[in-house]
Amino acid sequence: MAVKIDIEVCIGCGACVDVCPVGALSMQDDKAVCDEDACIDCGACIAVCPTQAISE
């Protein structure tokens, strides 16, 4: 299962993209997007999100 990103809360800072160990996160239209097939649910992105836009 992949993380969920609330695009209404995401500010597009890119912190999650930088910390993802498998490259499952990217930026699209200034918002974070998760590749569900690549996500390993490690939680690294959840820990660094300043707006708590990412959840399991």
PDB file of N, CA and C in Angstrom:
ATOM      1  N   MET A   1       0.848  -1.189   0.000  1.00  0.00           N
ATOM      2  CA  MET A   1       0.000   0.000   0.000  1.00  0.00           C
ATOM      3  C   MET A   1       0.887   1.244   0.000  1.00  0.00           C
ATOM      4  N   ALA A   2       0.476   2.239  -0.695  1.00  0.00           N
ATOM      5  CA  ALA A   2       1.263   3.466  -0.820  1.00  0.00           C
ATOM      6  C   ALA A   2       0.733   4.560   0.103  1.00  0.00           C
ATOM      7  N   VAL A   3       1.584   5.543   0.353  1.00  0.00           N
ATOM      8  CA  VAL A   3       1.158   6.687   1.158  1.00  0.00           C
ATOM      9  C   VAL A   3       0.141   7.511   0.381  1.00  0.00           C
ATOM     10  N   LYS A   4      -0.633   8.287   1.124  1.00  0.00           N
ATOM     11  CA  LYS A   4      -1.619   9.162   0.510  1.00  0.00           C
ATOM     12  C   LYS A   4      -1.168  10.606   0.705  1.00  0.00           C
ATOM     13  N   ILE A   5      -1.335  11.405  -0.320  1.00  0.00           N
ATOM     14  CA  ILE A   5      -0.946  12.808  -0.257  1.00  0.00           C
ATOM     15  C   ILE A   5      -2.182  13.673  -0.448  1.00  0.00           C
ATOM     16  N   ASP A   6      -2.447  14.522   0.527  1.00  0.00           N
ATOM     17  CA  ASP A   6      -3.566  15.456   0.448  1.00  0.00           C
ATOM     18  C   ASP A   6      -3.091  16.681  -0.330  1.00  0.00           C
ATOM     19  N   ILE A   7      -3.478  16.776  -1.593  1.00  0.00           N
ATOM     20  CA  ILE A   7      -2.973  17.865  -2.430  1.00  0.00           C
ATOM     21  C   ILE A   7      -3.515  19.233  -2.008  1.00  0.00           C
ATOM     22  N   GLU A   8      -4.566  19.256  -1.229  1.00  0.00           N
ATOM     23  CA  GLU A   8      -5.082  20.521  -0.709  1.00  0.00           C
ATOM     24  C   GLU A   8      -4.165  21.073   0.384  1.00  0.00           C
ATOM     25  N   VAL A   9      -3.451  20.184   1.061  1.00  0.00           N
ATOM     26  CA  VAL A   9      -2.574  20.570   2.164  1.00  0.00           C
ATOM     27  C   VAL A   9      -1.113  20.686   1.710  1.00  0.00           C
ATOM     28  N   CYS A  10      -0.745  19.955   0.676  1.00  0.00           N
ATOM     29  CA  CYS A  10       0.627  19.966   0.155  1.00  0.00           C
ATOM     30  C   CYS A  10       0.997  21.365  -0.331  1.00  0.00           C
ATOM     31  N   ILE A  11       2.171  21.849   0.104  1.00  0.00           N
ATOM     32  CA  ILE A  11       2.640  23.176  -0.313  1.00  0.00           C
ATOM     33  C   ILE A  11       3.709  23.084  -1.405  1.00  0.00           C
ATOM     34  N   GLY A  12       4.023  21.871  -1.826  1.00  0.00           N
ATOM     35  CA  GLY A  12       4.968  21.684  -2.919  1.00  0.00           C
ATOM     36  C   GLY A  12       6.414  21.982  -2.577  1.00  0.00           C
ATOM     37  N   CYS A  13       6.800  21.763  -1.339  1.00  0.00           N
ATOM     38  CA  CYS A  13       8.164  22.080  -0.916  1.00  0.00           C
ATOM     39  C   CYS A  13       9.194  21.083  -1.437  1.00  0.00           C
ATOM     40  N   GLY A  14       8.770  19.854  -1.730  1.00  0.00           N
ATOM     41  CA  GLY A  14       9.668  18.843  -2.263  1.00  0.00           C
ATOM     42  C   GLY A  14      10.484  18.083  -1.239  1.00  0.00           C
ATOM     43  N   ALA A  15      10.287  18.339   0.033  1.00  0.00           N
ATOM     44  CA  ALA A  15      11.050  17.640   1.079  1.00  0.00           C
ATOM     45  C   ALA A  15      10.855  16.131   0.990  1.00  0.00           C
ATOM     46  N   CYS A  16       9.654  15.705   0.723  1.00  0.00           N
ATOM     47  CA  CYS A  16       9.351  14.274   0.641  1.00  0.00           C
ATOM     48  C   CYS A  16      10.062  13.631  -0.547  1.00  0.00           C
ATOM     49  N   VAL A  17      10.121  14.339  -1.653  1.00  0.00           N
ATOM     50  CA  VAL A  17      10.788  13.827  -2.855  1.00  0.00           C
ATOM     51  C   VAL A  17      12.265  13.592  -2.568  1.00  0.00           C
ATOM     52  N   ASP A  18      12.887  14.534  -1.872  1.00  0.00           N
ATOM     53  CA  ASP A  18      14.315  14.441  -1.561  1.00  0.00           C
ATOM     54  C   ASP A  18      14.652  13.278  -0.640  1.00  0.00           C
ATOM     55  N   VAL A  19      13.731  12.908   0.241  1.00  0.00           N
ATOM     56  CA  VAL A  19      14.032  11.896   1.252  1.00  0.00           C
ATOM     57  C   VAL A  19      13.584  10.479   0.855  1.00  0.00           C
ATOM     58  N   CYS A  20      12.786  10.335  -0.171  1.00  0.00           N
ATOM     59  CA  CYS A  20      12.280   9.010  -0.554  1.00  0.00           C
ATOM     60  C   CYS A  20      13.427   8.117  -1.043  1.00  0.00           C
ATOM     61  N   PRO A  21      13.654   6.982  -0.363  1.00  0.00           N
ATOM     62  CA  PRO A  21      14.788   6.115  -0.718  1.00  0.00           C
ATOM     63  C   PRO A  21      14.606   5.336  -2.024  1.00  0.00           C
ATOM     64  N   VAL A  22      13.377   5.242  -2.515  1.00  0.00           N
ATOM     65  CA  VAL A  22      13.134   4.470  -3.733  1.00  0.00           C
ATOM     66  C   VAL A  22      12.638   5.334  -4.894  1.00  0.00           C
ATOM     67  N   GLY A  23      12.601   6.639  -4.711  1.00  0.00           N
ATOM     68  CA  GLY A  23      12.189   7.535  -5.783  1.00  0.00           C
ATOM     69  C   GLY A  23      10.725   7.427  -6.161  1.00  0.00           C
ATOM     70  N   ALA A  24       9.892   7.061  -5.203  1.00  0.00           N
ATOM     71  CA  ALA A  24       8.464   6.890  -5.476  1.00  0.00           C
ATOM     72  C   ALA A  24       7.704   8.210  -5.535  1.00  0.00           C
ATOM     73  N   LEU A  25       8.322   9.280  -5.050  1.00  0.00           N
ATOM     74  CA  LEU A  25       7.642  10.569  -5.021  1.00  0.00           C
ATOM     75  C   LEU A  25       8.230  11.507  -6.065  1.00  0.00           C
ATOM     76  N   SER A  26       7.366  12.293  -6.657  1.00  0.00           N
ATOM     77  CA  SER A  26       7.793  13.294  -7.633  1.00  0.00           C
ATOM     78  C   SER A  26       6.874  14.497  -7.516  1.00  0.00           C
ATOM     79  N   MET A  27       7.232  15.551  -8.217  1.00  0.00           N
ATOM     80  CA  MET A  27       6.417  16.760  -8.203  1.00  0.00           C
ATOM     81  C   MET A  27       5.663  16.856  -9.521  1.00  0.00           C
ATOM     82  N   GLN A  28       4.381  17.165  -9.424  1.00  0.00           N
ATOM     83  CA  GLN A  28       3.549  17.349 -10.606  1.00  0.00           C
ATOM     84  C   GLN A  28       2.632  18.528 -10.337  1.00  0.00           C
ATOM     85  N   ASP A  29       2.697  19.548 -11.168  1.00  0.00           N
ATOM     86  CA  ASP A  29       1.904  20.767 -10.971  1.00  0.00           C
ATOM     87  C   ASP A  29       2.130  21.362  -9.585  1.00  0.00           C
ATOM     88  N   ASP A  30       3.403  21.365  -9.153  1.00  0.00           N
ATOM     89  CA  ASP A  30       3.807  21.920  -7.849  1.00  0.00           C
ATOM     90  C   ASP A  30       3.184  21.213  -6.649  1.00  0.00           C
ATOM     91  N   LYS A  31       2.841  19.943  -6.803  1.00  0.00           N
ATOM     92  CA  LYS A  31       2.328  19.120  -5.709  1.00  0.00           C
ATOM     93  C   LYS A  31       3.042  17.779  -5.735  1.00  0.00           C
ATOM     94  N   ALA A  32       3.182  17.160  -4.573  1.00  0.00           N
ATOM     95  CA  ALA A  32       3.818  15.846  -4.501  1.00  0.00           C
ATOM     96  C   ALA A  32       2.861  14.770  -5.012  1.00  0.00           C
ATOM     97  N   VAL A  33       3.430  13.807  -5.720  1.00  0.00           N
ATOM     98  CA  VAL A  33       2.664  12.685  -6.262  1.00  0.00           C
ATOM     99  C   VAL A  33       3.421  11.412  -5.930  1.00  0.00           C
ATOM    100  N   CYS A  34       2.685  10.370  -5.563  1.00  0.00           N
ATOM    101  CA  CYS A  34       3.302   9.094  -5.204  1.00  0.00           C
ATOM    102  C   CYS A  34       3.039   8.035  -6.268  1.00  0.00           C
ATOM    103  N   ASP A  35       4.114   7.355  -6.684  1.00  0.00           N
ATOM    104  CA  ASP A  35       3.999   6.202  -7.575  1.00  0.00           C
ATOM    105  C   ASP A  35       3.688   5.003  -6.681  1.00  0.00           C
ATOM    106  N   GLU A  36       2.441   4.589  -6.676  1.00  0.00           N
ATOM    107  CA  GLU A  36       1.993   3.537  -5.767  1.00  0.00           C
ATOM    108  C   GLU A  36       2.721   2.216  -5.964  1.00  0.00           C
ATOM    109  N   ASP A  37       3.157   1.942  -7.170  1.00  0.00           N
ATOM    110  CA  ASP A  37       3.870   0.692  -7.439  1.00  0.00           C
ATOM    111  C   ASP A  37       5.286   0.703  -6.870  1.00  0.00           C
ATOM    112  N   ALA A  38       5.869   1.887  -6.739  1.00  0.00           N
ATOM    113  CA  ALA A  38       7.244   2.001  -6.247  1.00  0.00           C
ATOM    114  C   ALA A  38       7.322   2.211  -4.729  1.00  0.00           C
ATOM    115  N   CYS A  39       6.288   2.749  -4.133  1.00  0.00           N
ATOM    116  CA  CYS A  39       6.282   3.083  -2.695  1.00  0.00           C
ATOM    117  C   CYS A  39       6.433   1.818  -1.839  1.00  0.00           C
ATOM    118  N   ILE A  40       7.346   1.889  -0.861  1.00  0.00           N
ATOM    119  CA  ILE A  40       7.566   0.750   0.037  1.00  0.00           C
ATOM    120  C   ILE A  40       7.040   1.024   1.453  1.00  0.00           C
ATOM    121  N   ASP A  41       6.292   2.093   1.629  1.00  0.00           N
ATOM    122  CA  ASP A  41       5.681   2.439   2.923  1.00  0.00           C
ATOM    123  C   ASP A  41       6.696   2.556   4.053  1.00  0.00           C
ATOM    124  N   CYS A  42       7.842   3.167   3.777  1.00  0.00           N
ATOM    125  CA  CYS A  42       8.864   3.301   4.815  1.00  0.00           C
ATOM    126  C   CYS A  42       8.543   4.429   5.802  1.00  0.00           C
ATOM    127  N   GLY A  43       7.729   5.402   5.362  1.00  0.00           N
ATOM    128  CA  GLY A  43       7.341   6.499   6.241  1.00  0.00           C
ATOM    129  C   GLY A  43       8.299   7.670   6.285  1.00  0.00           C
ATOM    130  N   ALA A  44       9.379   7.621   5.519  1.00  0.00           N
ATOM    131  CA  ALA A  44      10.348   8.718   5.536  1.00  0.00           C
ATOM    132  C   ALA A  44       9.700  10.030   5.118  1.00  0.00           C
ATOM    133  N   CYS A  45       8.837   9.984   4.130  1.00  0.00           N
ATOM    134  CA  CYS A  45       8.182  11.190   3.629  1.00  0.00           C
ATOM    135  C   CYS A  45       7.215  11.770   4.655  1.00  0.00           C
ATOM    136  N   ILE A  46       6.553  10.897   5.397  1.00  0.00           N
ATOM    137  CA  ILE A  46       5.606  11.353   6.423  1.00  0.00           C
ATOM    138  C   ILE A  46       6.344  12.155   7.486  1.00  0.00           C
ATOM    139  N   ALA A  47       7.512  11.680   7.859  1.00  0.00           N
ATOM    140  CA  ALA A  47       8.287  12.324   8.919  1.00  0.00           C
ATOM    141  C   ALA A  47       8.795  13.710   8.542  1.00  0.00           C
ATOM    142  N   VAL A  48       9.041  13.958   7.259  1.00  0.00           N
ATOM    143  CA  VAL A  48       9.620  15.253   6.859  1.00  0.00           C
ATOM    144  C   VAL A  48       8.596  16.251   6.338  1.00  0.00           C
ATOM    145  N   CYS A  49       7.374  15.854   6.136  1.00  0.00           N
ATOM    146  CA  CYS A  49       6.361  16.760   5.586  1.00  0.00           C
ATOM    147  C   CYS A  49       6.014  17.845   6.601  1.00  0.00           C
ATOM    148  N   PRO A  50       6.290  19.128   6.269  1.00  0.00           N
ATOM    149  CA  PRO A  50       6.038  20.199   7.223  1.00  0.00           C
ATOM    150  C   PRO A  50       4.558  20.528   7.437  1.00  0.00           C
ATOM    151  N   THR A  51       3.696  20.081   6.532  1.00  0.00           N
ATOM    152  CA  THR A  51       2.268  20.389   6.660  1.00  0.00           C
ATOM    153  C   THR A  51       1.421  19.157   6.987  1.00  0.00           C
ATOM    154  N   GLN A  52       2.061  18.039   7.197  1.00  0.00           N
ATOM    155  CA  GLN A  52       1.381  16.773   7.481  1.00  0.00           C
ATOM    156  C   GLN A  52       0.386  16.408   6.384  1.00  0.00           C
ATOM    157  N   ALA A  53       0.785  16.650   5.137  1.00  0.00           N
ATOM    158  CA  ALA A  53      -0.071  16.342   3.994  1.00  0.00           C
ATOM    159  C   ALA A  53       0.011  14.873   3.590  1.00  0.00           C
ATOM    160  N   ILE A  54       0.969  14.130   4.160  1.00  0.00           N
ATOM    161  CA  ILE A  54       1.169  12.735   3.776  1.00  0.00           C
ATOM    162  C   ILE A  54       0.770  11.828   4.934  1.00  0.00           C
ATOM    163  N   SER A  55       0.028  10.768   4.593  1.00  0.00           N
ATOM    164  CA  SER A  55      -0.393   9.799   5.601  1.00  0.00           C
ATOM    165  C   SER A  55      -0.337   8.404   5.013  1.00  0.00           C
ATOM    166  N   GLU A  56      -0.439   7.409   5.884  1.00  0.00           N
ATOM    167  CA  GLU A  56      -0.454   6.016   5.423  1.00  0.00           C
ATOM    168  C   GLU A  56      -1.837   5.601   5.050  1.00  0.00           C
TER     169      GLU A  56
END
